[in-house]
Amino acid sequence: MDAIRDLVNRTVGLIGGVRDTKSHITMQKAKDGAAISVSLRLIIGQEKNVAALSETVSARVREQLAQTLGLTDVPIYVKIVGITDAAPIRKHRVV
């Protein structure tokens, strides 16, 4: 599940307008295998449309899960927990 969480966080982090991401991956046993769902809590910039950004995030995460892991029909729940006008925090890369 850590690999899925890392993939989701990396994918969402590349989307413009997203300031912070917290993801939660849930696995449940289903009759035809394991059922996975993704819950995202986002802080976004005020310059973005909330509905459009939520759709973009869902689509990109769904696309990455399908391409990278072969997971399809994964429910993705996006919750916007904050809107900020602060500049995004960029971590310095250590070489």
Protein backbone atom coordinates (compact mmCIF):
# COMPACT_ATOMS: atom_id res chain seq x y z
CA MET A 1 0.00 0.00 0.00
CA ASP A 2 2.95 2.33 0.52
CA ALA A 3 3.81 2.07 -3.16
CA ILE A 4 0.26 3.03 -4.12
CA ARG A 5 0.29 5.94 -1.67
CA ASP A 6 3.64 7.18 -3.03
CA LEU A 7 2.38 6.97 -6.62
CA VAL A 8 -0.79 8.88 -5.72
CA ASN A 9 1.08 11.58 -3.78
CA ARG A 10 3.63 12.03 -6.58
CA THR A 11 0.88 12.26 -9.20
CA VAL A 12 -1.15 14.81 -7.25
CA GLY A 13 1.96 16.83 -6.38
CA LEU A 14 2.61 17.46 -10.08
CA ILE A 15 -0.80 19.08 -10.61
CA GLY A 16 -0.70 22.87 -10.60
CA GLY A 17 -2.71 24.51 -7.84
CA VAL A 18 -2.33 21.71 -5.29
CA ARG A 19 -0.40 22.97 -2.25
CA ASP A 20 -0.56 19.95 0.07
CA THR A 21 -1.82 16.38 -0.17
CA LYS A 22 -2.71 13.72 2.37
CA SER A 23 -3.80 10.40 0.98
CA HIS A 24 -5.37 7.34 2.54
CA ILE A 25 -5.51 4.00 0.72
CA THR A 26 -8.14 1.48 1.83
CA MET A 27 -8.17 -2.19 0.87
CA GLN A 28 -11.15 -4.45 1.40
CA LYS A 29 -11.61 -8.07 0.49
CA ALA A 30 -14.09 -8.54 -2.32
CA LYS A 31 -15.42 -11.65 -4.00
CA ASP A 32 -13.34 -11.05 -7.12
CA GLY A 33 -10.15 -9.88 -5.38
CA ALA A 34 -9.08 -6.93 -3.27
CA ALA A 35 -11.03 -3.71 -3.65
CA ILE A 36 -8.98 -0.53 -3.31
CA SER A 37 -10.21 3.01 -2.72
CA VAL A 38 -8.25 6.26 -2.52
CA SER A 39 -9.20 9.19 -0.27
CA LEU A 40 -7.42 12.50 -0.79
CA ARG A 41 -7.40 15.58 1.44
CA LEU A 42 -6.07 18.59 -0.45
CA ILE A 43 -5.10 22.16 0.27
CA ILE A 44 -5.28 24.15 -2.94
CA GLY A 45 -4.38 27.63 -4.16
CA GLN A 46 -7.14 30.19 -4.46
CA GLU A 47 -6.40 30.75 -8.15
CA LYS A 48 -7.93 27.39 -9.13
CA ASN A 49 -11.55 26.36 -9.64
CA VAL A 50 -12.37 23.76 -6.96
CA ALA A 51 -14.65 21.59 -9.11
CA ALA A 52 -12.31 21.57 -12.11
CA LEU A 53 -9.26 20.82 -9.96
CA SER A 54 -11.07 17.96 -8.19
CA GLU A 55 -11.97 16.44 -11.55
CA THR A 56 -8.40 16.84 -12.82
CA VAL A 57 -6.96 15.20 -9.69
CA SER A 58 -9.38 12.27 -9.90
CA ALA A 59 -8.73 11.72 -13.60
CA ARG A 60 -4.93 11.86 -13.30
CA VAL A 61 -4.81 9.53 -10.29
CA ARG A 62 -7.18 7.08 -11.98
CA GLU A 63 -5.04 7.21 -15.15
CA GLN A 64 -1.78 6.60 -13.26
CA LEU A 65 -3.23 3.69 -11.28
CA ALA A 66 -4.42 2.08 -14.51
CA GLN A 67 -1.17 2.66 -16.43
CA THR A 68 1.31 1.82 -13.70
CA LEU A 69 -0.43 -0.83 -11.60
CA GLY A 70 -3.20 -2.07 -13.87
CA LEU A 71 -5.87 -1.06 -11.34
CA THR A 72 -9.17 -0.01 -12.89
CA ASP A 73 -12.48 1.14 -11.42
CA VAL A 74 -10.81 2.52 -8.30
CA PRO A 75 -13.06 4.94 -6.39
CA ILE A 76 -11.25 8.21 -5.70
CA TYR A 77 -12.66 10.58 -3.09
CA VAL A 78 -11.33 14.15 -3.15
CA LYS A 79 -11.95 16.46 -0.21
CA ILE A 80 -10.73 20.06 -0.30
CA VAL A 81 -9.81 20.91 3.29
CA GLY A 82 -8.29 24.32 2.66
CA ILE A 83 -7.81 27.11 0.18
CA THR A 84 -4.75 29.30 0.58
CA ASP A 85 -3.09 32.23 -1.12
CA ALA A 86 0.36 31.28 0.18
CA ALA A 87 3.03 30.34 -2.34
CA PRO A 88 3.70 26.61 -2.67
CA ILE A 89 6.47 25.29 -0.45
CA ARG A 90 9.24 23.78 -2.54
CA LYS A 91 11.62 21.39 -0.86
CA HIS A 92 15.26 21.94 -1.70
CA ARG A 93 16.84 19.09 -3.53
CA VAL A 94 20.01 17.74 -1.99
CA VAL A 95 22.56 16.57 -4.53
